[in-house]
Amino acid sequence: MNTFIIAEIGINHNGDIKIAKKLIDGAVEAGCDMVKFQKRTLDLVYTQEELNKPRESPWGTTNRQQKEGLEFGETEYDEIDRYCKQKNIEWTASAWDVPSQLFLRKYDL
């Protein structure tokens, strides 16, 4: 039986592709087989009430602004795809909703 190790990055990149790459590098260095991110559509996953709640963060003063600051889009996922291929590590992402699942299909995960 073989062991397959997945490094959970989630949103620990803090919305910064440079940090995401450092986390990928760490997973490669540790001998992981795959890294995993998260993808979500905020307006489907959270209520408007929740998104409008006050929350101080580097991205603003509401939960929405904080969550938007953490969420990667197509540009970042294209770069993750390219970088992981360059580093010879597989990647995936947990889709929190159907539109996110459809978005991730582009990458043949």
Protein backbone atom coordinates (compact mmCIF):
# COMPACT_ATOMS: atom_id res chain seq x y z
CA MET A 1 0.00 0.00 0.00
CA ASN A 2 1.34 3.44 -0.97
CA THR A 3 0.87 6.62 1.01
CA PHE A 4 -0.24 9.80 -0.78
CA ILE A 5 0.37 12.97 1.20
CA ILE A 6 -1.72 16.10 0.61
CA ALA A 7 -0.62 19.44 2.08
CA GLU A 8 -3.68 21.55 2.99
CA ILE A 9 -3.00 25.15 2.02
CA GLY A 10 -6.66 26.20 2.07
CA ILE A 11 -6.66 29.99 2.39
CA ASN A 12 -3.44 30.17 4.43
CA HIS A 13 -1.94 32.12 1.51
CA ASN A 14 -3.82 35.20 2.83
CA GLY A 15 -4.81 36.15 -0.71
CA ASP A 16 -1.16 36.50 -1.77
CA ILE A 17 0.14 34.36 -4.64
CA LYS A 18 3.73 34.81 -3.38
CA ILE A 19 2.77 33.21 -0.08
CA ALA A 20 0.92 30.45 -1.96
CA LYS A 21 4.11 29.68 -3.89
CA LYS A 22 6.14 29.55 -0.66
CA LEU A 23 3.61 27.11 0.78
CA ILE A 24 3.83 25.00 -2.39
CA ASP A 25 7.63 25.06 -2.11
CA GLY A 26 7.37 23.89 1.49
CA ALA A 27 5.11 21.02 0.49
CA VAL A 28 7.54 19.98 -2.25
CA GLU A 29 10.46 20.20 0.17
CA ALA A 30 8.56 18.07 2.70
CA GLY A 31 7.93 15.41 0.06
CA CYS A 32 4.18 15.91 -0.31
CA ASP A 33 2.43 14.53 -3.38
CA MET A 34 -0.23 17.24 -3.68
CA VAL A 35 -1.29 20.64 -2.38
CA LYS A 36 -4.92 21.61 -1.79
CA PHE A 37 -6.59 25.01 -1.87
CA GLN A 38 -10.23 26.13 -1.36
CA LYS A 39 -12.56 27.85 -3.81
CA ARG A 40 -15.91 29.41 -2.94
CA THR A 41 -18.50 31.84 -4.23
CA LEU A 42 -19.05 34.15 -1.28
CA ASP A 43 -22.65 35.11 -2.05
CA LEU A 44 -23.66 31.45 -2.20
CA VAL A 45 -21.75 30.24 0.82
CA TYR A 46 -22.52 33.08 3.22
CA THR A 47 -25.64 35.09 3.98
CA GLN A 48 -25.69 38.81 3.26
CA GLU A 49 -26.09 39.36 6.99
CA GLU A 50 -22.87 37.45 7.66
CA LEU A 51 -20.96 39.20 4.88
CA ASN A 52 -22.06 42.62 6.11
CA LYS A 53 -20.91 42.06 9.70
CA PRO A 54 -18.12 44.33 10.90
CA ARG A 55 -14.66 42.79 10.86
CA GLU A 56 -11.35 44.61 10.90
CA SER A 57 -8.80 43.07 8.56
CA PRO A 58 -6.06 44.17 6.17
CA TRP A 59 -8.71 44.11 3.41
CA GLY A 60 -11.33 46.34 5.04
CA THR A 61 -13.94 46.56 7.76
CA THR A 62 -16.49 43.83 6.90
CA ASN A 63 -16.54 40.06 6.67
CA ARG A 64 -17.13 40.42 2.91
CA GLN A 65 -14.01 42.51 2.40
CA GLN A 66 -11.94 40.08 4.44
CA LYS A 67 -13.23 37.04 2.56
CA GLU A 68 -12.85 38.74 -0.83
CA GLY A 69 -9.26 39.52 0.08
CA LEU A 70 -8.57 35.84 0.71
CA GLU A 71 -10.30 34.46 -2.39
CA PHE A 72 -8.20 33.62 -5.45
CA GLY A 73 -9.61 34.09 -8.95
CA GLU A 74 -8.67 32.81 -12.38
CA THR A 75 -5.37 34.71 -12.62
CA GLU A 76 -4.11 33.20 -9.36
CA TYR A 77 -5.35 29.69 -10.14
CA ASP A 78 -3.71 29.84 -13.57
CA GLU A 79 -0.45 30.72 -11.80
CA ILE A 80 -0.92 27.93 -9.23
CA ASP A 81 -1.48 25.47 -12.08
CA ARG A 82 1.64 26.66 -13.90
CA TYR A 83 3.78 26.74 -10.75
CA CYS A 84 2.75 23.30 -9.56
CA LYS A 85 3.55 21.83 -12.97
CA GLN A 86 6.95 23.52 -12.82
CA LYS A 87 7.54 22.11 -9.32
CA ASN A 88 6.22 18.66 -10.31
CA ILE A 89 3.54 18.52 -7.62
CA GLU A 90 -0.16 17.87 -8.12
CA TRP A 91 -2.76 20.32 -6.88
CA THR A 92 -6.45 20.44 -6.21
CA ALA A 93 -9.01 22.64 -4.48
CA SER A 94 -12.09 21.96 -2.40
CA ALA A 95 -15.10 23.53 -4.12
CA TRP A 96 -17.58 24.94 -1.61
CA ASP A 97 -20.36 25.35 -4.19
CA VAL A 98 -21.39 24.35 -7.73
CA PRO A 99 -20.04 27.46 -9.54
CA SER A 100 -16.67 26.89 -7.86
CA GLN A 101 -16.74 23.25 -8.94
CA LEU A 102 -17.48 24.30 -12.51
CA PHE A 103 -14.69 26.90 -12.36
CA LEU A 104 -12.14 24.30 -11.22
CA ARG A 105 -12.99 21.90 -14.08
CA LYS A 106 -10.82 24.09 -16.30
CA TYR A 107 -7.80 22.62 -14.56
CA ASP A 108 -8.65 18.90 -15.01
CA LEU A 109 -8.28 18.24 -11.29
